[in-house]
Amino acid sequence: MLRALRNTGRLIGIVRILARHDALFPLEAVPGLPALRWFGRFLARIGRKRGRQQRPGLRLAAALQEMGPSFIKLGQTLATRSDLLGEDVAADLSTLQDRLPPFSSARARATIEAELGQTLTALFASFDDRPVAAASISQVHFAETPEGVRVAVKVLRPGIEAAFARDLDLFDWIAETVEQVQPQLRRLKPRAVVATFAATVRAEMDLRLEAAAAAELSDNFVDYDGFRVPQVDWQRTARRVLTLERIDGIRIDDVAALKEAGHDTDMLLRQSAEVFFLQVFRDGFFHADMHPGNMFVDADGVLRPVDFGIMGRLDVKTRYFLADMLLGFLNGDYRRVAEVHFQAGYVPADQSIDDFMQACRAIGEPILGRPVHEISVARLLAQLFQVTETFAMETQPQLLLLQKTMLVAEGVGRTLNPTLNMWELARPLIEDWMRAHRGPEARIRQAALDIGLIVERLPALLGQIERAADRLADPAGVKLHPDTAAALLRRRRNGAVALWPLWLALLLVSLAAVLY
């Protein structure tokens, strides 16, 4: 009850801000909230409205900006949900800038000393009190270690954990209420979306996790010369402080500066496409906040990423699905696109595969019929998510994060060279990867591995079968018909004979894996 009262009061305040910016349309999209919508319309009629001439998405972005850090982050998350708000609104929300006034250098210094247990002068030979960047969760200062290493020090914003905890509780309460009032919206997993958002935010507020993400990404590209992650200074890193190697370079979207420095922008685009492919398909671990402000090009033409607070993961099954789907779309094979959706379980088996294939064609043809350099895979995925309601397809949060990343990557690619398409550049890499991992030889290797794992587990499995047989045959245990108990004991004593169905099953599984 107290939670409901507390969050209802805050929700009224949110409605007031939405009304002031003439951005009440998200409430209109949620049936079952008549009182809240009436209140909002009333405020809109009597209140001062801003930006009437702006697009709805821009008005909503302005309202979220006024609401504070948590809502800015939420807006950036909703920018991936064109299925909820529409493609135009989602695109406008992607322009939200996570920038806030910096907090005092005195508080930054105090946080560093408290977290690392040393004085600032012992930790750094020099420390610039002027932050080079300030966002909702943290700000960054340049410094130099006593060893002469130039570093960037990220410091968590004071009180941010408590502020986000209050807002995350509000978001979860709203999502829970929506699911209760409108069961048909559960397919969109509003609580799961909030949970994913909450997990992302909480991870961002533990800078040790960001350090670990940077280190993992660095390890993945240790043998790749065109992409280098800044090294972590673990001795000057804690939960609320992160120290990384300082990066010098040119923003990847500053084409004029890149050309003036002698860089080949076409080569940089090819590198970017390859790096994206390697992260997504080879490693299943990708930088999910790769806007131009987080990617630099150093003097040697090496791509230098920063800010590893938001990372995405894809399991092998999802990577196979994604590769199959992308190649199906790029080749115009809509039957294959539909089949992989059903095989992955994303579309329920009771739906019509022919109807879904037709929907995929309706999405793909207008996009793929354009000149190659204008093709947007991110836009294709966004439209695919929009038709999910018709086919009861559940939301896939990992793919939504990837779609957002694709959208940003495409924008960077068009800036570097508007006549080249990064997906066509990456296509041979995807095809080679699919042949290596999904071809006949790969299937045989996987079948052998699967059989090996089953054989390893056999002794434990047999032990479980024997113990179960003992319990079943025990007069004090479960009562069985005497003939059934006798048969179980005969099978136990004659294990070689009793196991022939298991070996037959293994053989069939192996053949199926090879032939599939």
Protein backbone atom coordinates (compact mmCIF):
# COMPACT_ATOMS: atom_id res chain seq x y z
CA MET A 1 0.00 0.00 0.00
CA LEU A 2 2.76 2.44 0.98
CA ARG A 3 4.60 1.61 -2.25
CA ALA A 4 1.49 2.33 -4.29
CA LEU A 5 0.83 5.64 -2.51
CA ARG A 6 4.45 6.75 -2.84
CA ASN A 7 4.69 5.90 -6.51
CA THR A 8 1.25 7.33 -7.32
CA GLY A 9 2.40 10.68 -5.96
CA ARG A 10 5.52 10.55 -8.09
CA LEU A 11 3.49 9.46 -11.12
CA ILE A 12 1.31 12.56 -10.77
CA GLY A 13 4.46 14.68 -10.86
CA ILE A 14 5.59 12.88 -14.02
CA VAL A 15 2.22 13.47 -15.68
CA ARG A 16 2.53 17.19 -14.90
CA ILE A 17 5.89 17.36 -16.68
CA LEU A 18 4.57 15.37 -19.66
CA ALA A 19 1.59 17.74 -19.89
CA ARG A 20 3.84 20.79 -19.77
CA HIS A 21 5.76 19.46 -22.76
CA ASP A 22 2.64 18.28 -24.60
CA ALA A 23 4.03 14.73 -24.44
CA LEU A 24 1.11 12.77 -22.99
CA PHE A 25 0.83 10.40 -25.95
CA PRO A 26 2.58 7.46 -24.18
CA LEU A 27 -0.35 7.40 -21.72
CA GLU A 28 -2.80 7.32 -24.61
CA ALA A 29 -1.12 4.16 -25.87
CA VAL A 30 -1.86 2.30 -22.62
CA PRO A 31 -5.56 1.44 -22.22
CA GLY A 32 -7.01 1.00 -18.78
CA LEU A 33 -5.71 4.24 -17.23
CA PRO A 34 -8.68 6.60 -17.78
CA ALA A 35 -8.22 8.66 -14.61
CA LEU A 36 -4.56 9.29 -15.31
CA ARG A 37 -5.22 10.26 -18.91
CA TRP A 38 -8.06 12.62 -17.89
CA PHE A 39 -5.80 14.26 -15.33
CA GLY A 40 -3.09 14.69 -17.92
CA ARG A 41 -5.46 16.22 -20.46
CA PHE A 42 -6.75 18.60 -17.80
CA LEU A 43 -3.22 19.74 -16.98
CA ALA A 44 -2.45 20.11 -20.66
CA ARG A 45 -5.44 22.41 -21.17
CA ILE A 46 -4.66 24.69 -18.26
CA GLY A 47 -0.91 24.50 -18.23
CA ARG A 48 1.78 26.08 -20.30
CA LYS A 49 2.86 23.88 -23.19
CA ARG A 50 6.27 23.87 -24.79
CA GLY A 51 7.39 22.91 -28.22
CA ARG A 52 3.97 22.35 -29.82
CA GLN A 53 5.59 22.56 -33.24
CA GLN A 54 8.12 19.87 -32.45
CA ARG A 55 7.68 16.21 -33.31
CA PRO A 56 6.13 14.09 -30.53
CA GLY A 57 9.38 12.20 -29.95
CA LEU A 58 11.33 15.42 -29.42
CA ARG A 59 8.70 16.68 -26.99
CA LEU A 60 8.94 13.42 -25.04
CA ALA A 61 12.73 13.64 -25.06
CA ALA A 62 12.58 17.15 -23.60
CA ALA A 63 10.22 15.96 -20.85
CA LEU A 64 12.48 13.03 -19.95
CA GLN A 65 15.48 15.36 -19.89
CA GLU A 66 13.70 17.52 -17.31
CA MET A 67 12.79 14.49 -15.16
CA GLY A 68 16.43 13.67 -14.48
CA PRO A 69 19.13 11.01 -14.92
CA SER A 70 17.04 7.87 -14.51
CA PHE A 71 14.51 9.06 -17.05
CA ILE A 72 17.23 10.02 -19.52
CA LYS A 73 18.59 6.49 -19.25
CA LEU A 74 15.07 5.08 -19.60
CA GLY A 75 14.50 7.18 -22.71
CA GLN A 76 17.70 5.84 -24.24
CA THR A 77 16.47 2.32 -23.53
CA LEU A 78 13.05 3.06 -25.05
CA ALA A 79 14.86 4.30 -28.17
CA THR A 80 15.34 0.59 -28.95
CA ARG A 81 11.62 -0.17 -28.60
CA SER A 82 10.10 0.99 -31.85
CA ASP A 83 7.54 -1.78 -31.32
CA LEU A 84 6.22 0.16 -28.32
CA LEU A 85 6.47 3.80 -29.41
CA GLY A 86 6.85 3.69 -33.19
CA GLU A 87 9.92 4.13 -35.33
CA ASP A 88 9.84 7.94 -35.49
CA VAL A 89 9.51 8.43 -31.71
CA ALA A 90 12.23 5.84 -31.05
CA ALA A 91 14.55 7.66 -33.45
CA ASP A 92 13.92 10.97 -31.67
CA LEU A 93 14.59 9.42 -28.27
CA SER A 94 17.96 8.19 -29.54
CA THR A 95 19.06 11.85 -29.57
CA LEU A 96 18.79 12.09 -25.77
CA GLN A 97 22.12 13.27 -24.40
CA ASP A 98 23.27 11.88 -21.08
CA ARG A 99 24.87 15.08 -19.87
CA LEU A 100 24.54 16.79 -16.51
CA PRO A 101 26.34 19.63 -14.74
CA PRO A 102 29.50 18.31 -13.05
CA PHE A 103 29.73 17.85 -9.31
CA SER A 104 32.49 19.53 -7.35
CA SER A 105 36.09 18.40 -7.60
CA ALA A 106 36.22 18.31 -3.79
CA ARG A 107 33.57 15.57 -3.77
CA ALA A 108 35.35 13.74 -6.57
CA ARG A 109 38.61 13.82 -4.62
CA ALA A 110 36.86 12.65 -1.45
CA THR A 111 35.28 9.71 -3.27
CA ILE A 112 38.61 8.64 -4.78
CA GLU A 113 40.42 8.75 -1.44
CA ALA A 114 37.60 6.93 0.40
CA GLU A 115 37.39 4.18 -2.23
CA LEU A 116 41.12 3.60 -2.70
CA GLY A 117 42.20 4.21 0.89
CA GLN A 118 45.04 6.58 -0.03
CA THR A 119 45.52 10.31 -0.39
CA LEU A 120 45.10 11.76 -3.85
CA THR A 121 48.73 12.93 -3.86
CA ALA A 122 49.90 9.38 -3.18
CA LEU A 123 47.74 8.02 -6.01
CA PHE A 124 48.45 10.65 -8.68
CA ALA A 125 51.31 12.96 -9.50
CA SER A 126 48.78 15.37 -11.02
CA PHE A 127 44.98 15.52 -11.06
CA ASP A 128 42.90 17.92 -13.17
CA ASP A 129 39.99 19.25 -11.11
CA ARG A 130 38.11 20.20 -14.28
CA PRO A 131 36.12 17.20 -15.50
CA VAL A 132 36.34 16.46 -19.22
CA ALA A 133 32.88 14.85 -19.23
CA ALA A 134 29.92 14.69 -16.85
CA ALA A 135 26.99 12.31 -17.22
CA SER A 136 24.11 11.06 -15.10
CA ILE A 137 26.11 8.37 -13.33
CA SER A 138 29.69 9.62 -13.31
CA GLN A 139 32.21 12.17 -14.50
CA VAL A 140 35.76 11.86 -15.82
CA HIS A 141 38.96 13.63 -14.81
CA PHE A 142 42.38 13.45 -16.45
CA ALA A 143 45.35 12.61 -14.24
CA GLU A 144 48.89 11.26 -14.27
CA THR A 145 50.27 8.50 -12.06
CA PRO A 146 53.58 8.77 -10.17
CA GLU A 147 55.00 6.39 -12.81
CA GLY A 148 54.26 8.97 -15.51
CA VAL A 149 51.26 7.18 -17.07
CA ARG A 150 48.49 9.47 -18.32
CA VAL A 151 45.11 8.16 -17.22
CA ALA A 152 41.41 8.97 -17.23
CA VAL A 153 39.68 8.65 -13.85
CA LYS A 154 35.93 8.01 -13.78
CA VAL A 155 34.20 8.87 -10.49
CA LEU A 156 30.66 7.87 -9.56
CA ARG A 157 28.25 10.75 -8.89
CA PRO A 158 27.52 11.13 -5.12
CA GLY A 159 24.11 9.82 -4.05
CA ILE A 160 23.37 8.33 -7.45
CA GLU A 161 22.68 4.81 -6.15
CA ALA A 162 19.84 5.94 -3.89
CA ALA A 163 18.33 8.19 -6.58
CA PHE A 164 18.28 5.40 -9.14
CA ALA A 165 16.90 2.89 -6.61
CA ARG A 166 13.84 5.13 -6.06
CA ASP A 167 13.26 5.56 -9.77
CA LEU A 168 13.78 1.88 -10.60
CA ASP A 169 11.15 0.97 -8.01
CA LEU A 170 8.78 3.42 -9.70
CA PHE A 171 9.45 1.97 -13.16
CA ASP A 172 8.86 -1.58 -11.93
CA TRP A 173 5.62 -0.56 -10.20
CA ILE A 174 4.35 1.10 -13.39
CA ALA A 175 5.27 -1.96 -15.49
CA GLU A 176 3.61 -4.29 -12.97
CA THR A 177 0.45 -2.15 -13.01
CA VAL A 178 0.34 -2.15 -16.81
CA GLU A 179 0.63 -5.94 -16.92
CA GLN A 180 -2.19 -6.30 -14.40
CA VAL A 181 -4.51 -3.82 -16.11
CA GLN A 182 -3.76 -4.95 -19.64
CA PRO A 183 -2.80 -8.66 -19.81
CA GLN A 184 -2.48 -8.48 -23.60
CA LEU A 185 0.58 -6.26 -23.12
CA ARG A 186 2.46 -8.95 -21.18
CA ARG A 187 3.80 -10.22 -24.51
CA LEU A 188 5.92 -7.07 -24.66
CA LYS A 189 7.43 -7.97 -21.27
CA PRO A 190 7.32 -4.51 -19.69
CA ARG A 191 8.63 -5.83 -16.35
CA ALA A 192 11.37 -7.76 -18.12
CA VAL A 193 12.34 -4.60 -20.00
CA VAL A 194 12.51 -2.69 -16.71
CA ALA A 195 14.51 -5.53 -15.14
CA THR A 196 16.99 -5.47 -18.03
CA PHE A 197 17.24 -1.70 -17.70
CA ALA A 198 17.75 -2.00 -13.93
CA ALA A 199 20.48 -4.63 -14.35
CA THR A 200 22.25 -2.41 -16.87
CA VAL A 201 22.08 0.63 -14.60
CA ARG A 202 23.25 -1.30 -11.53
CA ALA A 203 26.16 -2.69 -13.51
CA GLU A 204 27.09 0.84 -14.58
CA MET A 205 27.16 1.91 -10.93
CA ASP A 206 29.79 -0.69 -10.04
CA LEU A 207 32.84 0.53 -11.90
CA ARG A 208 34.70 -2.71 -11.18
CA LEU A 209 32.31 -4.41 -13.60
CA GLU A 210 33.08 -1.82 -16.27
CA ALA A 211 36.79 -2.45 -15.68
CA ALA A 212 36.22 -6.19 -16.11
CA ALA A 213 34.26 -5.57 -19.34
CA ALA A 214 37.09 -3.45 -20.72
CA ALA A 215 39.62 -6.14 -19.83
CA GLU A 216 37.53 -8.89 -21.47
CA LEU A 217 37.06 -6.86 -24.65
CA SER A 218 40.79 -6.16 -24.70
CA ASP A 219 41.59 -9.87 -24.37
CA ASN A 220 39.26 -10.67 -27.27
CA PHE A 221 41.22 -8.35 -29.58
CA VAL A 222 44.75 -9.01 -28.34
CA ASP A 223 45.75 -10.29 -31.82
CA TYR A 224 43.88 -7.61 -33.82
CA ASP A 225 45.99 -4.58 -34.72
CA GLY A 226 43.20 -2.20 -35.79
CA PHE A 227 41.29 -2.07 -32.48
CA ARG A 228 42.78 -1.49 -29.05
CA VAL A 229 41.02 -1.11 -25.71
CA PRO A 230 42.57 1.14 -23.02
CA GLN A 231 44.31 -0.78 -20.26
CA VAL A 232 42.79 -0.91 -16.78
CA ASP A 233 44.77 0.41 -13.83
CA TRP A 234 43.46 -2.14 -11.32
CA GLN A 235 45.44 -0.62 -8.42
CA ARG A 236 43.45 2.61 -8.82
CA THR A 237 40.07 1.03 -9.50
CA ALA A 238 37.27 0.28 -7.02
CA ARG A 239 33.48 0.17 -6.93
CA ARG A 240 33.08 3.94 -7.33
CA VAL A 241 36.36 4.75 -9.11
CA LEU A 242 37.70 3.50 -12.45
CA THR A 243 41.13 4.37 -13.81
CA LEU A 244 41.96 3.64 -17.43
CA GLU A 245 44.74 4.45 -19.84
CA ARG A 246 44.07 7.89 -21.36
CA ILE A 247 43.14 7.85 -25.03
CA ASP A 248 44.28 10.52 -27.49
CA GLY A 249 42.65 10.60 -30.88
CA ILE A 250 40.07 12.04 -33.25
CA ARG A 251 36.36 11.31 -32.93
CA ILE A 252 35.36 8.82 -35.58
CA ASP A 253 32.61 11.11 -36.90
CA ASP A 254 34.97 14.08 -37.41
CA VAL A 255 35.62 13.24 -41.07
CA ALA A 256 37.36 16.53 -41.88
CA ALA A 257 39.86 16.11 -39.04
CA LEU A 258 40.43 12.46 -39.95
CA LYS A 259 41.24 13.32 -43.56
CA GLU A 260 43.43 16.23 -42.53
CA ALA A 261 45.42 13.83 -40.32
CA GLY A 262 45.91 11.54 -43.34
CA HIS A 263 43.51 8.74 -42.38
CA ASP A 264 41.70 6.66 -45.02
CA THR A 265 38.04 6.90 -44.02
CA ASP A 266 37.06 3.97 -46.27
CA MET A 267 39.62 1.80 -44.51
CA LEU A 268 38.30 2.97 -41.13
CA LEU A 269 34.78 1.96 -42.20
CA ARG A 270 36.04 -1.50 -43.20
CA GLN A 271 37.80 -1.82 -39.85
CA SER A 272 34.64 -0.75 -38.02
CA ALA A 273 32.53 -3.31 -39.90
CA GLU A 274 35.03 -6.08 -39.15
CA VAL A 275 35.31 -5.12 -35.48
CA PHE A 276 31.52 -5.10 -35.16
CA PHE A 277 31.30 -8.54 -36.77
CA LEU A 278 34.01 -9.97 -34.52
CA GLN A 279 32.34 -8.65 -31.38
CA VAL A 280 28.85 -9.86 -32.27
CA PHE A 281 29.42 -13.16 -34.09
CA ARG A 282 32.86 -14.39 -33.06
CA ASP A 283 32.79 -13.38 -29.39
CA GLY A 284 29.12 -12.78 -28.56
CA PHE A 285 30.29 -9.83 -26.43
CA PHE A 286 29.91 -6.34 -27.83
CA HIS A 287 30.17 -2.69 -26.89
CA ALA A 288 26.53 -1.59 -26.72
CA ASP A 289 27.07 2.17 -26.42
CA MET A 290 29.23 2.81 -29.46
CA HIS A 291 28.12 6.33 -30.34
CA PRO A 292 30.71 8.58 -32.03
CA GLY A 293 31.73 10.12 -28.71
CA ASN A 294 32.91 6.69 -27.54
CA MET A 295 35.13 5.83 -30.51
CA PHE A 296 38.37 7.57 -31.46
CA VAL A 297 41.06 7.06 -34.07
CA ASP A 298 44.64 7.42 -32.89
CA ALA A 299 47.63 8.67 -34.89
CA ASP A 300 48.31 5.14 -36.21
CA GLY A 301 44.77 4.67 -37.53
CA VAL A 302 43.81 2.30 -34.70
CA LEU A 303 40.22 2.38 -33.42
CA ARG A 304 40.22 3.27 -29.71
CA PRO A 305 36.92 2.71 -27.84
CA VAL A 306 36.05 4.21 -24.44
CA ASP A 307 33.20 3.87 -21.90
CA PHE A 308 32.43 0.20 -21.26
CA GLY A 309 29.49 0.60 -18.92
CA ILE A 310 26.95 -0.91 -21.33
CA MET A 311 27.94 -4.22 -22.94
CA GLY A 312 25.82 -6.85 -24.66
CA ARG A 313 26.08 -10.64 -24.76
CA LEU A 314 24.70 -13.15 -27.25
CA ASP A 315 24.82 -16.90 -26.73
CA VAL A 316 25.84 -19.17 -29.60
CA LYS A 317 22.25 -20.11 -30.44
CA THR A 318 21.28 -16.44 -30.79
CA ARG A 319 24.31 -15.76 -32.96
CA TYR A 320 23.35 -18.62 -35.28
CA PHE A 321 19.81 -17.28 -35.46
CA LEU A 322 21.03 -13.76 -36.17
CA ALA A 323 23.43 -14.82 -38.92
CA ASP A 324 20.78 -17.02 -40.57
CA MET A 325 18.23 -14.22 -40.40
CA LEU A 326 20.53 -11.51 -41.77
CA LEU A 327 21.75 -13.66 -44.64
CA GLY A 328 18.17 -14.69 -45.39
CA PHE A 329 17.11 -11.06 -45.64
CA LEU A 330 20.18 -9.99 -47.65
CA ASN A 331 19.60 -12.89 -50.09
CA GLY A 332 15.86 -12.30 -50.29
CA ASP A 333 15.18 -15.79 -48.89
CA TYR A 334 12.12 -14.95 -46.78
CA ARG A 335 11.21 -18.60 -46.30
CA ARG A 336 14.53 -19.11 -44.53
CA VAL A 337 13.99 -15.97 -42.43
CA ALA A 338 10.64 -17.33 -41.28
CA GLU A 339 12.04 -20.81 -40.61
CA VAL A 340 14.83 -19.58 -38.32
CA HIS A 341 12.31 -17.58 -36.26
CA PHE A 342 10.27 -20.73 -35.68
CA GLN A 343 13.36 -22.91 -35.07
CA ALA A 344 14.63 -20.43 -32.47
CA GLY A 345 11.25 -20.49 -30.73
CA TYR A 346 10.78 -16.74 -31.14
CA VAL A 347 7.49 -17.26 -32.97
CA PRO A 348 5.07 -19.79 -31.38
CA ALA A 349 4.66 -23.05 -33.28
CA ASP A 350 0.88 -22.53 -33.61
CA GLN A 351 1.43 -19.54 -35.90
CA SER A 352 1.41 -19.81 -39.68
CA ILE A 353 4.93 -19.94 -41.13
CA ASP A 354 3.56 -18.87 -44.53
CA ASP A 355 1.88 -15.80 -43.06
CA PHE A 356 5.03 -14.90 -41.17
CA MET A 357 7.09 -15.32 -44.35
CA GLN A 358 4.69 -12.91 -46.08
CA ALA A 359 5.18 -10.39 -43.27
CA CYS A 360 8.97 -10.73 -43.58
CA ARG A 361 8.74 -10.07 -47.31
CA ALA A 362 6.60 -6.98 -46.68
CA ILE A 363 9.32 -5.68 -44.36
CA GLY A 364 12.33 -6.68 -46.42
CA GLU A 365 11.38 -5.75 -49.97
CA PRO A 366 10.97 -1.96 -49.44
CA ILE A 367 14.25 -1.79 -47.53
CA LEU A 368 16.35 -4.22 -49.53
CA GLY A 369 15.05 -2.84 -52.81
CA ARG A 370 16.94 0.38 -52.17
CA PRO A 371 20.50 1.07 -53.33
CA VAL A 372 23.01 -1.00 -51.38
CA HIS A 373 24.48 1.96 -49.52
CA GLU A 374 21.02 2.97 -48.26
CA ILE A 375 20.11 -0.40 -46.77
CA SER A 376 19.63 -0.24 -42.98
CA VAL A 377 19.63 -3.57 -41.18
CA ALA A 378 18.83 -1.74 -37.93
CA ARG A 379 15.69 -0.27 -39.53
CA LEU A 380 14.80 -3.71 -40.87
CA LEU A 381 15.03 -5.22 -37.38
CA ALA A 382 13.00 -2.36 -35.91
CA GLN A 383 10.17 -3.00 -38.38
CA LEU A 384 10.40 -6.73 -37.72
CA PHE A 385 9.85 -6.08 -34.02
CA GLN A 386 6.79 -3.95 -34.88
CA VAL A 387 4.94 -6.88 -36.48
CA THR A 388 5.52 -9.17 -33.53
CA GLU A 389 2.10 -8.52 -32.03
CA THR A 390 0.38 -10.18 -34.99
CA PHE A 391 2.34 -13.39 -34.45
CA ALA A 392 2.52 -13.39 -30.62
CA MET A 393 6.32 -13.11 -30.80
CA GLU A 394 7.79 -12.33 -27.42
CA THR A 395 10.25 -9.49 -27.01
CA GLN A 396 13.93 -10.48 -27.12
CA PRO A 397 15.82 -7.95 -24.96
CA GLN A 398 19.26 -9.04 -26.19
CA LEU A 399 18.23 -8.36 -29.80
CA LEU A 400 16.78 -4.97 -28.91
CA LEU A 401 20.12 -3.92 -27.44
CA LEU A 402 21.87 -5.19 -30.55
CA GLN A 403 19.45 -3.32 -32.80
CA LYS A 404 20.25 -0.09 -31.00
CA THR A 405 23.96 -0.76 -31.45
CA MET A 406 23.43 -1.50 -35.14
CA LEU A 407 21.58 1.79 -35.58
CA VAL A 408 24.49 3.75 -34.12
CA ALA A 409 27.06 1.77 -36.13
CA GLU A 410 25.17 2.46 -39.36
CA GLY A 411 25.09 6.16 -38.58
CA VAL A 412 28.87 6.19 -38.08
CA GLY A 413 29.31 4.23 -41.31
CA ARG A 414 27.25 6.72 -43.34
CA THR A 415 29.29 9.57 -41.85
CA LEU A 416 32.57 7.96 -42.94
CA ASN A 417 31.30 7.13 -46.43
CA PRO A 418 27.63 7.49 -47.41
CA THR A 419 28.14 5.35 -50.54
CA LEU A 420 29.38 2.24 -48.70
CA ASN A 421 27.25 -0.14 -46.64
CA MET A 422 28.88 -1.73 -43.62
CA TRP A 423 26.66 -4.83 -43.85
CA GLU A 424 27.84 -5.57 -47.37
CA LEU A 425 31.39 -5.16 -46.09
CA ALA A 426 30.68 -7.58 -43.24
CA ARG A 427 28.68 -10.03 -45.37
CA PRO A 428 31.66 -12.20 -46.49
CA LEU A 429 32.77 -12.44 -42.86
CA ILE A 430 29.30 -13.59 -41.78
CA GLU A 431 29.13 -16.16 -44.61
CA ASP A 432 32.59 -17.54 -43.75
CA TRP A 433 31.64 -17.72 -40.09
CA MET A 434 28.44 -19.58 -40.92
CA ARG A 435 30.29 -22.09 -43.09
CA ALA A 436 32.82 -22.66 -40.30
CA HIS A 437 30.20 -23.06 -37.57
CA ARG A 438 27.08 -24.34 -39.36
CA GLY A 439 28.46 -26.37 -42.27
CA PRO A 440 28.55 -30.22 -42.41
CA GLU A 441 32.04 -30.46 -40.86
CA ALA A 442 31.05 -28.14 -38.01
CA ARG A 443 27.94 -30.22 -37.33
CA ILE A 444 30.01 -33.43 -37.18
CA ARG A 445 32.44 -31.80 -34.73
CA GLN A 446 29.55 -30.59 -32.58
CA ALA A 447 27.90 -34.02 -32.65
CA ALA A 448 31.16 -35.59 -31.48
CA LEU A 449 31.42 -33.08 -28.65
CA ASP A 450 27.81 -33.75 -27.64
CA ILE A 451 28.42 -37.51 -27.59
CA GLY A 452 31.54 -36.98 -25.51
CA LEU A 453 29.62 -34.97 -22.96
CA ILE A 454 26.90 -37.63 -22.77
CA VAL A 455 29.49 -40.40 -22.31
CA GLU A 456 31.16 -38.38 -19.53
CA ARG A 457 27.82 -38.13 -17.75
CA LEU A 458 26.96 -41.82 -18.20
CA PRO A 459 28.47 -43.11 -14.94
CA ALA A 460 26.57 -40.53 -12.92
CA LEU A 461 23.40 -41.26 -14.88
CA LEU A 462 23.74 -45.01 -14.29
CA GLY A 463 24.29 -44.38 -10.60
CA GLN A 464 21.09 -42.37 -10.45
CA ILE A 465 19.21 -45.16 -12.26
CA GLU A 466 20.50 -47.77 -9.78
CA ARG A 467 19.56 -45.64 -6.77
CA ALA A 468 16.11 -45.05 -8.24
CA ALA A 469 15.68 -48.78 -8.85
CA ASP A 470 16.71 -49.52 -5.26
CA ARG A 471 14.18 -47.04 -3.88
CA LEU A 472 11.43 -48.32 -6.11
CA ALA A 473 12.10 -51.95 -5.25
CA ASP A 474 12.43 -51.27 -1.50
CA PRO A 475 9.33 -52.62 0.31
CA ALA A 476 9.45 -49.60 2.64
CA GLY A 477 9.42 -47.19 -0.27
CA VAL A 478 7.08 -46.72 -3.20
CA LYS A 479 4.84 -49.72 -3.71
CA LEU A 480 5.20 -51.34 -7.10
CA HIS A 481 3.62 -54.39 -8.60
CA PRO A 482 5.92 -57.37 -7.86
CA ASP A 483 6.41 -58.06 -11.57
CA THR A 484 7.53 -54.43 -12.17
CA ALA A 485 10.02 -54.53 -9.28
CA ALA A 486 11.40 -57.84 -10.49
CA ALA A 487 11.87 -56.47 -14.02
CA LEU A 488 13.76 -53.45 -12.68
CA LEU A 489 16.11 -55.63 -10.70
CA ARG A 490 16.73 -57.92 -13.67
CA ARG A 491 17.64 -54.85 -15.79
CA ARG A 492 19.96 -53.64 -13.02
CA ARG A 493 21.75 -57.02 -12.88
CA ASN A 494 21.97 -57.19 -16.66
CA GLY A 495 23.19 -53.66 -17.27
CA ALA A 496 24.67 -54.31 -20.70
CA VAL A 497 21.36 -55.49 -22.06
CA ALA A 498 19.41 -52.76 -20.31
CA LEU A 499 21.54 -50.03 -21.84
CA TRP A 500 20.95 -50.88 -25.51
CA PRO A 501 18.09 -48.34 -25.88
CA LEU A 502 20.38 -45.62 -24.55
CA TRP A 503 23.11 -46.42 -27.08
CA LEU A 504 20.55 -46.52 -29.89
CA ALA A 505 19.28 -43.09 -28.82
CA LEU A 506 22.85 -41.75 -28.86
CA LEU A 507 23.36 -43.06 -32.38
CA LEU A 508 20.14 -41.49 -33.63
CA VAL A 509 20.99 -38.16 -32.01
CA SER A 510 24.40 -38.20 -33.67
CA LEU A 511 22.96 -38.95 -37.09
CA ALA A 512 20.36 -36.25 -36.71
CA ALA A 513 22.99 -33.71 -35.73
CA VAL A 514 25.07 -34.54 -38.78
CA LEU A 515 22.20 -34.55 -41.25
CA TYR A 516 20.39 -31.45 -39.94
